[in-house]
PDB file of N, CA and C in Angstrom:
ATOM      1  N   UNK A   1    -192.306 106.423   3.464  1.00  0.00           N
ATOM      2  CA  UNK A   1    -193.000 107.740   3.724  1.00  0.00           C
ATOM      3  C   UNK A   1    -194.145 107.866   2.528  1.00  0.00           C
ATOM      4  N   UNK A   2    -195.164 108.524   2.728  1.00  0.00           N
ATOM      5  CA  UNK A   2    -196.237 108.809   1.838  1.00  0.00           C
ATOM      6  C   UNK A   2    -195.963 109.994   1.173  1.00  0.00           C
ATOM      7  N   UNK A   3    -196.799 110.502   0.114  1.00  0.00           N
ATOM      8  CA  UNK A   3    -196.612 111.698  -0.578  1.00  0.00           C
ATOM      9  C   UNK A   3    -197.231 112.887   0.092  1.00  0.00           C
ATOM     10  N   UNK A   4    -197.620 112.671   1.293  1.00  0.00           N
ATOM     11  CA  UNK A   4    -198.404 113.766   2.083  1.00  0.00           C
ATOM     12  C   UNK A   4    -197.339 114.526   2.938  1.00  0.00           C
ATOM     13  N   UNK A   5    -196.042 114.690   2.568  1.00  0.00           N
ATOM     14  CA  UNK A   5    -195.174 115.261   3.505  1.00  0.00           C
ATOM     15  C   UNK A   5    -195.386 116.819   3.663  1.00  0.00           C
ATOM     16  N   UNK A   6    -195.905 117.341   2.610  1.00  0.00           N
ATOM     17  CA  UNK A   6    -196.309 118.916   2.666  1.00  0.00           C
ATOM     18  C   UNK A   6    -197.550 119.072   3.243  1.00  0.00           C
ATOM     19  N   UNK A   7    -198.382 118.209   3.606  1.00  0.00           N
ATOM     20  CA  UNK A   7    -199.732 118.443   4.136  1.00  0.00           C
ATOM     21  C   UNK A   7    -199.666 118.626   5.701  1.00  0.00           C
ATOM     22  N   UNK A   8    -200.359 119.569   6.330  1.00  0.00           N
ATOM     23  CA  UNK A   8    -200.511 119.669   7.674  1.00  0.00           C
ATOM     24  C   UNK A   8    -201.510 118.737   8.299  1.00  0.00           C
ATOM     25  N   UNK A   9    -201.089 118.145   9.277  1.00  0.00           N
ATOM     26  CA  UNK A   9    -201.952 117.166  10.140  1.00  0.00           C
ATOM     27  C   UNK A   9    -202.395 117.786  11.481  1.00  0.00           C
ATOM     28  N   UNK A  10    -203.473 117.260  11.774  1.00  0.00           N
ATOM     29  CA  UNK A  10    -203.827 117.886  13.088  1.00  0.00           C
ATOM     30  C   UNK A  10    -204.224 116.609  14.033  1.00  0.00           C
ATOM     31  N   UNK A  11    -203.779 116.622  15.264  1.00  0.00           N
ATOM     32  CA  UNK A  11    -204.304 115.400  16.108  1.00  0.00           C
ATOM     33  C   UNK A  11    -204.341 116.054  17.452  1.00  0.00           C
ATOM     34  N   UNK A  12    -205.172 115.297  18.226  1.00  0.00           N
ATOM     35  CA  UNK A  12    -205.234 115.562  19.629  1.00  0.00           C
ATOM     36  C   UNK A  12    -204.893 114.420  20.556  1.00  0.00           C
ATOM     37  N   UNK A  13    -204.098 114.739  21.621  1.00  0.00           N
ATOM     38  CA  UNK A  13    -203.839 113.586  22.443  1.00  0.00           C
ATOM     39  C   UNK A  13    -204.855 113.417  23.414  1.00  0.00           C
ATOM     40  N   UNK A  14    -205.369 112.505  23.831  1.00  0.00           N
ATOM     41  CA  UNK A  14    -206.265 112.218  25.066  1.00  0.00           C
ATOM     42  C   UNK A  14    -205.574 111.651  26.099  1.00  0.00           C
ATOM     43  N   UNK A  15    -204.836 112.493  27.084  1.00  0.00           N
ATOM     44  CA  UNK A  15    -204.006 111.912  27.998  1.00  0.00           C
ATOM     45  C   UNK A  15    -204.777 111.592  29.276  1.00  0.00           C
ATOM     46  N   UNK A  16    -206.100 111.430  29.226  1.00  0.00           N
ATOM     47  CA  UNK A  16    -206.840 111.210  30.468  1.00  0.00           C
ATOM     48  C   UNK A  16    -207.250 112.449  31.266  1.00  0.00           C
ATOM     49  N   UNK A  17    -206.801 113.620  30.807  1.00  0.00           N
ATOM     50  CA  UNK A  17    -207.187 114.835  31.355  1.00  0.00           C
ATOM     51  C   UNK A  17    -208.699 115.177  30.957  1.00  0.00           C
ATOM     52  N   UNK A  18    -209.169 116.257  31.389  1.00  0.00           N
ATOM     53  CA  UNK A  18    -210.480 116.815  31.150  1.00  0.00           C
ATOM     54  C   UNK A  18    -210.487 117.277  29.718  1.00  0.00           C
ATOM     55  N   UNK A  19    -211.516 117.171  29.077  1.00  0.00           N
ATOM     56  CA  UNK A  19    -211.733 117.824  27.775  1.00  0.00           C
ATOM     57  C   UNK A  19    -211.999 119.272  27.925  1.00  0.00           C
ATOM     58  N   UNK A  20    -211.915 120.083  26.881  1.00  0.00           N
ATOM     59  CA  UNK A  20    -212.166 121.439  26.946  1.00  0.00           C
ATOM     60  C   UNK A  20    -213.705 121.579  27.304  1.00  0.00           C
ATOM     61  N   UNK A  21    -214.542 120.789  27.006  1.00  0.00           N
ATOM     62  CA  UNK A  21    -216.084 120.921  27.181  1.00  0.00           C
ATOM     63  C   UNK A  21    -216.109 120.791  28.770  1.00  0.00           C
ATOM     64  N   UNK A  22    -215.458 119.596  29.220  1.00  0.00           N
ATOM     65  CA  UNK A  22    -215.643 119.278  30.559  1.00  0.00           C
ATOM     66  C   UNK A  22    -215.035 120.412  31.542  1.00  0.00           C
ATOM     67  N   UNK A  23    -213.890 120.904  31.152  1.00  0.00           N
ATOM     68  CA  UNK A  23    -213.296 122.156  31.986  1.00  0.00           C
ATOM     69  C   UNK A  23    -214.263 123.310  31.990  1.00  0.00           C
ATOM     70  N   UNK A  24    -214.709 123.692  30.852  1.00  0.00           N
ATOM     71  CA  UNK A  24    -215.608 124.836  30.654  1.00  0.00           C
ATOM     72  C   UNK A  24    -216.863 124.646  31.675  1.00  0.00           C
ATOM     73  N   UNK A  25    -217.372 123.420  31.630  1.00  0.00           N
ATOM     74  CA  UNK A  25    -218.568 123.165  32.496  1.00  0.00           C
ATOM     75  C   UNK A  25    -218.273 123.228  34.005  1.00  0.00           C
ATOM     76  N   UNK A  26    -217.020 122.574  34.295  1.00  0.00           N
ATOM     77  CA  UNK A  26    -216.646 122.783  35.816  1.00  0.00           C
ATOM     78  C   UNK A  26    -216.324 124.131  36.213  1.00  0.00           C
ATOM     79  N   UNK A  27    -215.679 124.817  35.195  1.00  0.00           N
ATOM     80  CA  UNK A  27    -215.497 126.319  35.715  1.00  0.00           C
ATOM     81  C   UNK A  27    -216.767 127.115  35.899  1.00  0.00           C
ATOM     82  N   UNK A  28    -217.693 126.919  34.992  1.00  0.00           N
ATOM     83  CA  UNK A  28    -219.023 127.383  34.947  1.00  0.00           C
ATOM     84  C   UNK A  28    -219.603 127.194  36.174  1.00  0.00           C
ATOM     85  N   UNK A  29    -219.664 126.025  36.584  1.00  0.00           N
ATOM     86  CA  UNK A  29    -220.349 125.547  37.898  1.00  0.00           C
ATOM     87  C   UNK A  29    -219.827 126.098  39.062  1.00  0.00           C
ATOM     88  N   UNK A  30    -218.423 126.262  39.091  1.00  0.00           N
ATOM     89  CA  UNK A  30    -217.655 126.815  40.175  1.00  0.00           C
ATOM     90  C   UNK A  30    -218.064 128.301  40.315  1.00  0.00           C
ATOM     91  N   UNK A  31    -218.024 129.004  39.109  1.00  0.00           N
ATOM     92  CA  UNK A  31    -218.403 130.519  39.217  1.00  0.00           C
ATOM     93  C   UNK A  31    -219.779 130.673  39.658  1.00  0.00           C
ATOM     94  N   UNK A  32    -220.725 129.806  39.204  1.00  0.00           N
ATOM     95  CA  UNK A  32    -222.117 130.000  39.622  1.00  0.00           C
ATOM     96  C   UNK A  32    -222.321 129.667  41.054  1.00  0.00           C
ATOM     97  N   UNK A  33    -221.521 128.816  41.582  1.00  0.00           N
ATOM     98  CA  UNK A  33    -221.714 128.261  43.086  1.00  0.00           C
ATOM     99  C   UNK A  33    -221.157 129.425  43.970  1.00  0.00           C
ATOM    100  N   UNK A  34    -220.209 130.242  43.438  1.00  0.00           N
ATOM    101  CA  UNK A  34    -219.585 131.188  44.195  1.00  0.00           C
ATOM    102  C   UNK A  34    -220.413 132.565  44.025  1.00  0.00           C
ATOM    103  N   UNK A  35    -221.491 132.632  43.058  1.00  0.00           N
ATOM    104  CA  UNK A  35    -222.465 133.697  42.904  1.00  0.00           C
ATOM    105  C   UNK A  35    -221.977 134.865  41.965  1.00  0.00           C
ATOM    106  N   UNK A  36    -221.068 134.149  41.034  1.00  0.00           N
ATOM    107  CA  UNK A  36    -220.685 135.235  39.930  1.00  0.00           C
ATOM    108  C   UNK A  36    -221.417 134.921  38.782  1.00  0.00           C
ATOM    109  N   UNK A  37    -221.327 135.814  37.858  1.00  0.00           N
ATOM    110  CA  UNK A  37    -222.231 135.547  36.522  1.00  0.00           C
ATOM    111  C   UNK A  37    -221.032 134.872  35.654  1.00  0.00           C
ATOM    112  N   UNK A  38    -221.176 133.560  35.567  1.00  0.00           N
ATOM    113  CA  UNK A  38    -220.241 132.740  34.626  1.00  0.00           C
ATOM    114  C   UNK A  38    -219.863 133.368  33.249  1.00  0.00           C
ATOM    115  N   UNK A  39    -220.704 133.733  32.617  1.00  0.00           N
ATOM    116  CA  UNK A  39    -220.555 134.342  31.097  1.00  0.00           C
ATOM    117  C   UNK A  39    -219.733 135.503  31.144  1.00  0.00           C
ATOM    118  N   UNK A  40    -220.006 136.337  32.021  1.00  0.00           N
ATOM    119  CA  UNK A  40    -219.114 137.708  32.186  1.00  0.00           C
ATOM    120  C   UNK A  40    -217.776 137.236  32.549  1.00  0.00           C
ATOM    121  N   UNK A  41    -217.609 136.547  33.579  1.00  0.00           N
ATOM    122  CA  UNK A  41    -216.391 136.045  34.125  1.00  0.00           C
ATOM    123  C   UNK A  41    -215.558 135.345  33.041  1.00  0.00           C
ATOM    124  N   UNK A  42    -216.043 134.404  32.377  1.00  0.00           N
ATOM    125  CA  UNK A  42    -215.418 133.725  31.180  1.00  0.00           C
ATOM    126  C   UNK A  42    -214.939 134.545  30.168  1.00  0.00           C
ATOM    127  N   UNK A  43    -215.935 135.602  29.818  1.00  0.00           N
ATOM    128  CA  UNK A  43    -215.580 136.486  28.586  1.00  0.00           C
ATOM    129  C   UNK A  43    -214.427 137.271  29.109  1.00  0.00           C
ATOM    130  N   UNK A  44    -214.481 137.885  30.273  1.00  0.00           N
ATOM    131  CA  UNK A  44    -213.332 138.585  30.850  1.00  0.00           C
ATOM    132  C   UNK A  44    -211.995 137.866  30.812  1.00  0.00           C
ATOM    133  N   UNK A  45    -211.947 136.720  31.203  1.00  0.00           N
ATOM    134  CA  UNK A  45    -210.816 135.842  31.042  1.00  0.00           C
ATOM    135  C   UNK A  45    -210.350 135.631  29.718  1.00  0.00           C
ATOM    136  N   UNK A  46    -211.249 135.431  28.722  1.00  0.00           N
ATOM    137  CA  UNK A  46    -210.888 135.097  27.270  1.00  0.00           C
ATOM    138  C   UNK A  46    -210.199 136.545  26.833  1.00  0.00           C
ATOM    139  N   UNK A  47    -211.012 137.651  27.087  1.00  0.00           N
ATOM    140  CA  UNK A  47    -210.513 138.869  26.460  1.00  0.00           C
ATOM    141  C   UNK A  47    -209.143 139.306  27.073  1.00  0.00           C
ATOM    142  N   UNK A  48    -209.046 139.174  28.400  1.00  0.00           N
ATOM    143  CA  UNK A  48    -207.837 139.670  29.073  1.00  0.00           C
ATOM    144  C   UNK A  48    -206.608 138.602  29.253  1.00  0.00           C
ATOM    145  N   UNK A  49    -207.059 137.389  29.487  1.00  0.00           N
ATOM    146  CA  UNK A  49    -206.025 136.526  29.836  1.00  0.00           C
ATOM    147  C   UNK A  49    -205.729 136.437  31.210  1.00  0.00           C
ATOM    148  N   UNK A  50    -206.443 137.336  32.049  1.00  0.00           N
ATOM    149  CA  UNK A  50    -206.095 137.327  33.450  1.00  0.00           C
ATOM    150  C   UNK A  50    -207.047 136.325  34.016  1.00  0.00           C
ATOM    151  N   UNK A  51    -206.412 135.353  34.870  1.00  0.00           N
ATOM    152  CA  UNK A  51    -206.824 134.290  35.400  1.00  0.00           C
ATOM    153  C   UNK A  51    -207.718 134.582  36.614  1.00  0.00           C
ATOM    154  N   UNK A  52    -207.571 135.970  37.353  1.00  0.00           N
ATOM    155  CA  UNK A  52    -208.255 136.335  38.495  1.00  0.00           C
ATOM    156  C   UNK A  52    -209.839 136.402  38.031  1.00  0.00           C
ATOM    157  N   UNK A  53    -210.150 136.437  36.840  1.00  0.00           N
ATOM    158  CA  UNK A  53    -211.500 136.335  36.569  1.00  0.00           C
ATOM    159  C   UNK A  53    -212.317 135.134  36.894  1.00  0.00           C
ATOM    160  N   UNK A  54    -211.290 134.169  37.189  1.00  0.00           N
ATOM    161  CA  UNK A  54    -211.940 132.818  37.359  1.00  0.00           C
ATOM    162  C   UNK A  54    -211.544 132.476  38.661  1.00  0.00           C
ATOM    163  N   UNK A  55    -212.732 132.008  39.632  1.00  0.00           N
ATOM    164  CA  UNK A  55    -212.509 131.616  40.991  1.00  0.00           C
ATOM    165  C   UNK A  55    -211.621 130.471  41.036  1.00  0.00           C
ATOM    166  N   UNK A  56    -210.778 130.437  42.259  1.00  0.00           N
ATOM    167  CA  UNK A  56    -210.035 129.209  42.630  1.00  0.00           C
ATOM    168  C   UNK A  56    -210.938 128.117  43.170  1.00  0.00           C
ATOM    169  N   UNK A  57    -212.036 128.551  43.548  1.00  0.00           N
ATOM    170  CA  UNK A  57    -213.093 127.346  44.107  1.00  0.00           C
ATOM    171  C   UNK A  57    -213.014 126.093  43.179  1.00  0.00           C
ATOM    172  N   UNK A  58    -213.111 124.874  43.938  1.00  0.00           N
ATOM    173  CA  UNK A  58    -213.073 123.864  43.217  1.00  0.00           C
ATOM    174  C   UNK A  58    -211.911 123.701  42.117  1.00  0.00           C
ATOM    175  N   UNK A  59    -210.762 124.266  42.355  1.00  0.00           N
ATOM    176  CA  UNK A  59    -209.655 124.268  41.380  1.00  0.00           C
ATOM    177  C   UNK A  59    -210.059 124.890  39.972  1.00  0.00           C
ATOM    178  N   UNK A  60    -211.035 125.719  39.836  1.00  0.00           N
ATOM    179  CA  UNK A  60    -211.521 126.194  38.587  1.00  0.00           C
ATOM    180  C   UNK A  60    -210.372 126.996  37.917  1.00  0.00           C
ATOM    181  N   UNK A  61    -209.646 127.793  38.507  1.00  0.00           N
ATOM    182  CA  UNK A  61    -208.769 128.647  38.032  1.00  0.00           C
ATOM    183  C   UNK A  61    -207.543 127.702  37.410  1.00  0.00           C
ATOM    184  N   UNK A  62    -207.259 126.720  38.202  1.00  0.00           N
ATOM    185  CA  UNK A  62    -205.980 125.898  37.459  1.00  0.00           C
ATOM    186  C   UNK A  62    -206.579 124.994  36.241  1.00  0.00           C
ATOM    187  N   UNK A  63    -207.806 124.644  36.373  1.00  0.00           N
ATOM    188  CA  UNK A  63    -208.377 123.923  35.322  1.00  0.00           C
ATOM    189  C   UNK A  63    -208.591 124.702  34.055  1.00  0.00           C
ATOM    190  N   UNK A  64    -208.959 126.077  34.176  1.00  0.00           N
ATOM    191  CA  UNK A  64    -209.015 126.902  32.999  1.00  0.00           C
ATOM    192  C   UNK A  64    -207.668 127.058  32.251  1.00  0.00           C
ATOM    193  N   UNK A  65    -206.734 127.343  33.258  1.00  0.00           N
ATOM    194  CA  UNK A  65    -205.280 127.582  32.799  1.00  0.00           C
ATOM    195  C   UNK A  65    -204.547 126.446  32.014  1.00  0.00           C
ATOM    196  N   UNK A  66    -205.357 125.175  31.884  1.00  0.00           N
ATOM    197  CA  UNK A  66    -204.823 124.230  31.184  1.00  0.00           C
ATOM    198  C   UNK A  66    -205.203 124.318  29.680  1.00  0.00           C
ATOM    199  N   UNK A  67    -206.147 125.297  29.457  1.00  0.00           N
ATOM    200  CA  UNK A  67    -206.629 125.583  28.060  1.00  0.00           C
ATOM    201  C   UNK A  67    -205.927 126.756  27.585  1.00  0.00           C
ATOM    202  N   UNK A  68    -205.879 126.842  26.216  1.00  0.00           N
ATOM    203  CA  UNK A  68    -205.351 127.993  25.608  1.00  0.00           C
ATOM    204  C   UNK A  68    -206.800 128.777  25.420  1.00  0.00           C
ATOM    205  N   UNK A  69    -206.737 130.136  25.397  1.00  0.00           N
ATOM    206  CA  UNK A  69    -207.820 130.885  25.111  1.00  0.00           C
ATOM    207  C   UNK A  69    -208.662 130.648  23.870  1.00  0.00           C
ATOM    208  N   UNK A  70    -207.599 130.347  22.772  1.00  0.00           N
ATOM    209  CA  UNK A  70    -208.323 130.055  21.516  1.00  0.00           C
ATOM    210  C   UNK A  70    -209.112 128.701  21.593  1.00  0.00           C
ATOM    211  N   UNK A  71    -208.651 127.765  22.325  1.00  0.00           N
ATOM    212  CA  UNK A  71    -209.326 126.503  22.654  1.00  0.00           C
ATOM    213  C   UNK A  71    -210.647 126.687  23.185  1.00  0.00           C
ATOM    214  N   UNK A  72    -210.734 127.615  24.110  1.00  0.00           N
ATOM    215  CA  UNK A  72    -212.037 127.874  24.735  1.00  0.00           C
ATOM    216  C   UNK A  72    -212.856 128.424  23.619  1.00  0.00           C
ATOM    217  N   UNK A  73    -212.317 129.448  22.929  1.00  0.00           N
ATOM    218  CA  UNK A  73    -213.309 130.164  21.905  1.00  0.00           C
ATOM    219  C   UNK A  73    -213.803 129.051  20.844  1.00  0.00           C
ATOM    220  N   UNK A  74    -212.757 128.147  20.497  1.00  0.00           N
ATOM    221  CA  UNK A  74    -213.073 127.168  19.599  1.00  0.00           C
ATOM    222  C   UNK A  74    -214.260 126.196  20.048  1.00  0.00           C
ATOM    223  N   UNK A  75    -214.179 125.900  21.476  1.00  0.00           N
ATOM    224  CA  UNK A  75    -215.372 125.156  21.952  1.00  0.00           C
ATOM    225  C   UNK A  75    -216.630 125.912  22.036  1.00  0.00           C
ATOM    226  N   UNK A  76    -216.499 127.166  22.188  1.00  0.00           N
ATOM    227  CA  UNK A  76    -217.913 127.875  22.277  1.00  0.00           C
ATOM    228  C   UNK A  76    -218.400 127.921  20.875  1.00  0.00           C
ATOM    229  N   UNK A  77    -217.562 128.205  19.829  1.00  0.00           N
ATOM    230  CA  UNK A  77    -218.049 128.358  18.322  1.00  0.00           C
ATOM    231  C   UNK A  77    -218.659 126.986  17.815  1.00  0.00           C
ATOM    232  N   UNK A  78    -217.945 125.865  18.302  1.00  0.00           N
ATOM    233  CA  UNK A  78    -218.261 124.350  17.988  1.00  0.00           C
ATOM    234  C   UNK A  78    -219.595 124.124  18.456  1.00  0.00           C
ATOM    235  N   UNK A  79    -219.887 124.581  19.746  1.00  0.00           N
ATOM    236  CA  UNK A  79    -221.124 124.269  20.533  1.00  0.00           C
ATOM    237  C   UNK A  79    -222.194 125.176  19.808  1.00  0.00           C
ATOM    238  N   UNK A  80    -221.984 126.425  19.511  1.00  0.00           N
ATOM    239  CA  UNK A  80    -223.154 127.107  18.814  1.00  0.00           C
ATOM    240  C   UNK A  80    -223.459 126.716  17.604  1.00  0.00           C
ATOM    241  N   UNK A  81    -222.560 126.286  16.704  1.00  0.00           N
ATOM    242  CA  UNK A  81    -222.782 126.069  15.387  1.00  0.00           C
ATOM    243  C   UNK A  81    -223.412 124.568  15.352  1.00  0.00           C
ATOM    244  N   UNK A  82    -222.923 123.767  16.131  1.00  0.00           N
ATOM    245  CA  UNK A  82    -223.771 122.487  16.267  1.00  0.00           C
ATOM    246  C   UNK A  82    -225.133 122.538  16.702  1.00  0.00           C
ATOM    247  N   UNK A  83    -225.346 123.610  17.537  1.00  0.00           N
ATOM    248  CA  UNK A  83    -226.825 123.698  18.220  1.00  0.00           C
ATOM    249  C   UNK A  83    -227.532 124.666  17.356  1.00  0.00           C
ATOM    250  N   UNK A  84    -227.096 125.285  16.374  1.00  0.00           N
ATOM    251  CA  UNK A  84    -227.883 126.179  15.627  1.00  0.00           C
ATOM    252  C   UNK A  84    -227.741 125.837  14.033  1.00  0.00           C
ATOM    253  N   UNK A  85    -227.393 124.670  13.720  1.00  0.00           N
ATOM    254  CA  UNK A  85    -227.177 124.419  12.438  1.00  0.00           C
ATOM    255  C   UNK A  85    -228.637 123.998  11.717  1.00  0.00           C
ATOM    256  N   UNK A  86    -229.148 124.904  10.919  1.00  0.00           N
ATOM    257  CA  UNK A  86    -230.585 124.980  10.515  1.00  0.00           C
ATOM    258  C   UNK A  86    -230.591 123.698   9.286  1.00  0.00           C
TER     259      UNK A  86
END
């Protein structure tokens, strides 16, 4: 054992499933295809947790439910910061 027993480690398992980024893109495209405003719908889902904000078209609702809402927010913040880092 190493001396790092009290430290918190974080890891992610890549089990072949879609990444958060991929899921968000797929959900965005499904909402757009059905004529919804994807931003408004995804924000509604994040705030409320109500999956009916997300269409079931192309399995989008099932996909988004694979993610925790904080994972979705984390992905949005990461994207924003990486693309606005001056």
